[in-house]
Protein backbone atom coordinates (compact mmCIF):
# COMPACT_ATOMS: atom_id res chain seq x y z
CA MET A 1 18.50 -31.18 -19.32
CA ASP A 2 18.25 -29.24 -22.57
CA LEU A 3 17.62 -25.50 -22.82
CA GLU A 4 14.03 -25.88 -24.02
CA GLN A 5 13.10 -28.03 -21.05
CA ARG A 6 14.78 -25.63 -18.61
CA VAL A 7 12.93 -22.63 -20.09
CA ALA A 8 9.60 -24.49 -19.89
CA GLU A 9 10.29 -25.36 -16.25
CA LEU A 10 11.17 -21.74 -15.44
CA GLU A 11 7.99 -20.52 -17.13
CA LEU A 12 5.90 -22.84 -14.98
CA ARG A 13 7.61 -21.65 -11.81
CA LEU A 14 7.16 -18.00 -12.83
CA ALA A 15 3.46 -18.53 -13.56
CA ALA A 16 2.99 -20.11 -10.12
CA LEU A 17 4.73 -17.16 -8.43
CA GLU A 18 2.69 -14.61 -10.36
CA GLU A 19 -0.54 -16.43 -9.49
CA ARG A 20 0.40 -16.39 -5.81
CA GLU A 21 1.38 -12.70 -5.94
CA ALA A 22 -1.80 -11.48 -7.64
CA PHE A 23 -4.53 -13.62 -6.10
CA SER A 24 -7.35 -11.52 -7.50
CA PRO A 25 -7.34 -9.63 -10.79
CA ALA A 26 -7.93 -5.91 -10.47
CA GLY A 27 -10.63 -5.90 -13.12
CA ARG A 28 -11.16 -3.45 -15.92
CA PRO A 29 -14.05 -1.15 -16.74
CA GLY A 30 -16.77 -3.16 -18.43
CA GLU A 31 -15.58 -6.54 -17.11
CA ASP A 32 -18.24 -8.80 -15.66
CA PRO A 33 -18.00 -8.51 -11.85
CA GLY A 34 -20.10 -11.64 -11.45
CA GLN A 35 -17.09 -13.94 -11.47
CA GLU A 36 -15.73 -15.26 -8.17
CA SER A 37 -12.61 -13.10 -8.33
CA PHE A 38 -14.76 -10.05 -7.55
CA TRP A 39 -15.92 -11.24 -4.10
CA ALA A 40 -14.93 -7.95 -2.44
CA LEU A 41 -16.72 -5.90 -5.07
CA LYS A 42 -19.83 -8.05 -4.68
CA GLY A 43 -19.80 -7.43 -0.92
CA LEU A 44 -19.34 -3.69 -1.44
CA LYS A 45 -22.28 -3.57 -3.85
CA GLU A 46 -24.46 -5.37 -1.31
CA GLN A 47 -23.50 -2.83 1.37
CA LEU A 48 -24.13 0.09 -1.00
CA ALA A 49 -27.53 -1.29 -1.98
CA GLY A 50 -28.45 -1.47 1.71
CA LEU A 51 -27.53 2.20 2.05
CA GLY A 52 -29.41 3.20 -1.10
CA ALA A 53 -26.18 4.58 -2.54
CA ASP A 54 -26.94 4.90 -6.24
CA THR A 55 -23.63 6.57 -7.12
CA GLY A 56 -21.48 3.73 -5.78
CA GLY A 57 -18.57 3.77 -3.43
CA VAL A 58 -14.93 2.91 -2.86
CA LEU A 59 -13.59 0.42 -0.34
CA PHE A 60 -10.09 -0.63 0.51
CA THR A 61 -9.14 -3.19 3.04
CA GLY A 62 -6.19 -5.25 4.15
CA ASP A 63 -4.86 -7.84 6.54
CA VAL A 64 -1.10 -7.35 6.80
CA ALA A 65 1.53 -9.18 8.85
CA LEU A 66 4.80 -7.24 8.89
CA PRO A 67 8.25 -8.82 9.21
CA THR A 68 8.41 -7.26 12.69
CA GLY A 69 5.50 -9.42 13.88
CA GLU A 70 2.96 -6.60 13.92
CA ARG A 71 -0.35 -7.37 12.26
CA TYR A 72 -2.89 -4.87 11.02
CA GLU A 73 -6.45 -5.47 9.86
CA TRP A 74 -8.04 -2.40 8.41
CA GLN A 75 -10.77 -1.21 6.07
CA PHE A 76 -12.11 2.13 4.96
CA GLY A 77 -14.78 3.13 2.52
CA LEU A 78 -16.46 6.23 1.17
CA LEU A 79 -19.52 6.82 -0.91
CA ALA A 80 -18.55 7.98 -4.39
CA ASP A 81 -20.52 11.22 -4.22
CA VAL A 82 -18.83 12.15 -0.91
CA LEU A 83 -15.39 11.43 -2.35
CA LEU A 84 -16.08 13.30 -5.59
CA ASP A 85 -17.37 16.34 -3.66
CA ARG A 86 -14.32 16.58 -1.36
CA ASP A 87 -11.44 19.01 -1.83
CA TRP A 88 -8.79 16.75 -3.34
CA THR A 89 -6.07 19.35 -2.84
CA ALA A 90 -6.21 18.55 0.88
CA SER A 91 -4.47 15.25 0.02
CA ALA A 92 -1.62 16.90 -1.87
CA ASP A 93 0.89 16.95 1.01
CA ALA A 94 0.32 13.29 1.91
CA LEU A 95 0.69 12.23 -1.73
CA ALA A 96 3.68 14.50 -2.31
CA ALA A 97 5.48 12.97 0.67
CA LEU A 98 5.28 9.60 -1.10
CA GLY A 99 6.66 11.07 -4.32
CA HIS A 100 10.35 10.64 -3.47
CA PRO A 101 12.24 7.35 -3.89
CA VAL A 102 14.23 7.82 -0.67
CA ARG A 103 11.05 8.39 1.34
CA LEU A 104 9.46 5.26 -0.09
CA ARG A 105 12.57 3.28 0.81
CA LEU A 106 12.55 4.74 4.33
CA LEU A 107 8.94 3.65 4.79
CA ARG A 108 9.72 0.15 3.52
CA GLU A 109 12.74 -0.15 5.84
CA ILE A 110 10.76 1.13 8.83
CA LEU A 111 7.95 -1.34 8.15
CA GLY A 112 10.66 -4.00 7.91
CA GLY A 113 12.00 -3.21 11.39
CA ARG A 114 14.69 -0.56 11.00
CA ARG A 115 13.23 2.06 13.31
CA THR A 116 15.95 4.57 14.20
CA ALA A 117 17.69 7.19 12.09
CA ALA A 118 21.01 5.55 12.99
CA GLU A 119 19.83 2.18 11.60
CA LEU A 120 18.56 3.90 8.46
CA ALA A 121 21.80 5.85 8.00
CA GLU A 122 23.71 2.55 7.81
CA LEU A 123 21.92 1.70 4.55
CA ASP A 124 23.44 2.60 1.20
CA GLY A 125 21.77 5.08 -1.08
CA LEU A 126 19.76 7.07 1.46
CA GLY A 127 22.08 10.05 1.71
CA THR A 128 23.61 11.80 4.69
CA SER A 129 22.07 11.72 8.15
CA GLY A 130 20.87 15.30 7.57
CA GLN A 131 19.12 14.25 4.38
CA ILE A 132 17.57 11.25 6.14
CA TYR A 133 16.23 13.47 8.93
CA HIS A 134 14.79 15.84 6.30
CA HIS A 135 12.90 12.96 4.67
CA LEU A 136 11.76 11.61 8.05
CA ARG A 137 10.36 15.05 8.93
CA GLN A 138 8.53 15.25 5.60
CA LEU A 139 6.96 11.82 6.16
CA SER A 140 6.08 12.69 9.75
CA SER A 141 4.45 16.01 8.89
CA ALA A 142 2.36 14.28 6.20
CA GLY A 143 1.20 11.65 8.73
CA TRP A 144 3.02 8.66 7.23
CA LEU A 145 5.34 8.35 10.25
CA HIS A 146 5.31 9.13 13.93
CA THR A 147 7.92 8.82 16.64
CA THR A 148 7.45 6.16 19.26
CA GLY A 149 10.05 7.43 21.72
CA ARG A 150 13.83 7.11 21.97
CA GLY A 151 14.27 8.30 18.39
CA ARG A 152 12.30 5.42 16.95
CA TYR A 153 9.97 5.84 14.01
CA ALA A 154 6.92 3.81 13.01
CA VAL A 155 4.23 3.92 10.38
CA PRO A 156 1.00 4.55 12.34
CA PRO A 157 -1.25 1.48 12.35
CA ALA A 158 -4.06 3.40 10.62
CA ARG A 159 -1.66 4.34 7.79
CA THR A 160 -0.06 0.94 7.14
CA VAL A 161 -2.79 -0.54 4.92
CA PRO A 162 -3.49 2.80 3.15
CA LEU A 163 0.23 3.06 2.35
CA LEU A 164 0.21 -0.43 0.83
CA VAL A 165 -3.03 0.41 -1.04
CA ALA A 166 -1.40 3.54 -2.51
CA LEU A 167 1.59 1.49 -3.60
CA THR A 168 -0.72 -1.14 -5.09
CA ALA A 169 -2.64 1.54 -7.00
CA ALA A 170 0.65 2.91 -8.37
CA GLN A 171 1.75 -0.44 -9.83
CA PRO A 172 2.32 -0.28 -13.58
């Protein structure tokens, strides 16, 4: 097989993976939401019309099966005027807790099934056990983690989809 053929084959495989990964385009301001890829937006607009919400709204939702076997279905929405009138500084601690690479890795590992500080301390690149406990406390105080007994940590069910939404929103 020549190099050109191998590159073409790899490009096809990459395109298939990317299509699977991003099943619905995010959309851009001014794009026509009438196309089928905007099914969630269409449903939101129907709900907002029923409420007489002229200023619009925001909805995020998810159906997530974790490697641990847990499954979470969740949705949350707010009217735009309510969201725009809120004190955004109240969210600063929760957002700041996500602003550290070690904390993000801890959350990913905990969602993946590593639930104790001892299991987390076995991983490379997370620092000393004291540093790990510091990060776990920060995540817990911001509501991204809670203890489930016997020194085990978990992302609360009501925070799992919002965490993944925040990470999705932060994608470049």
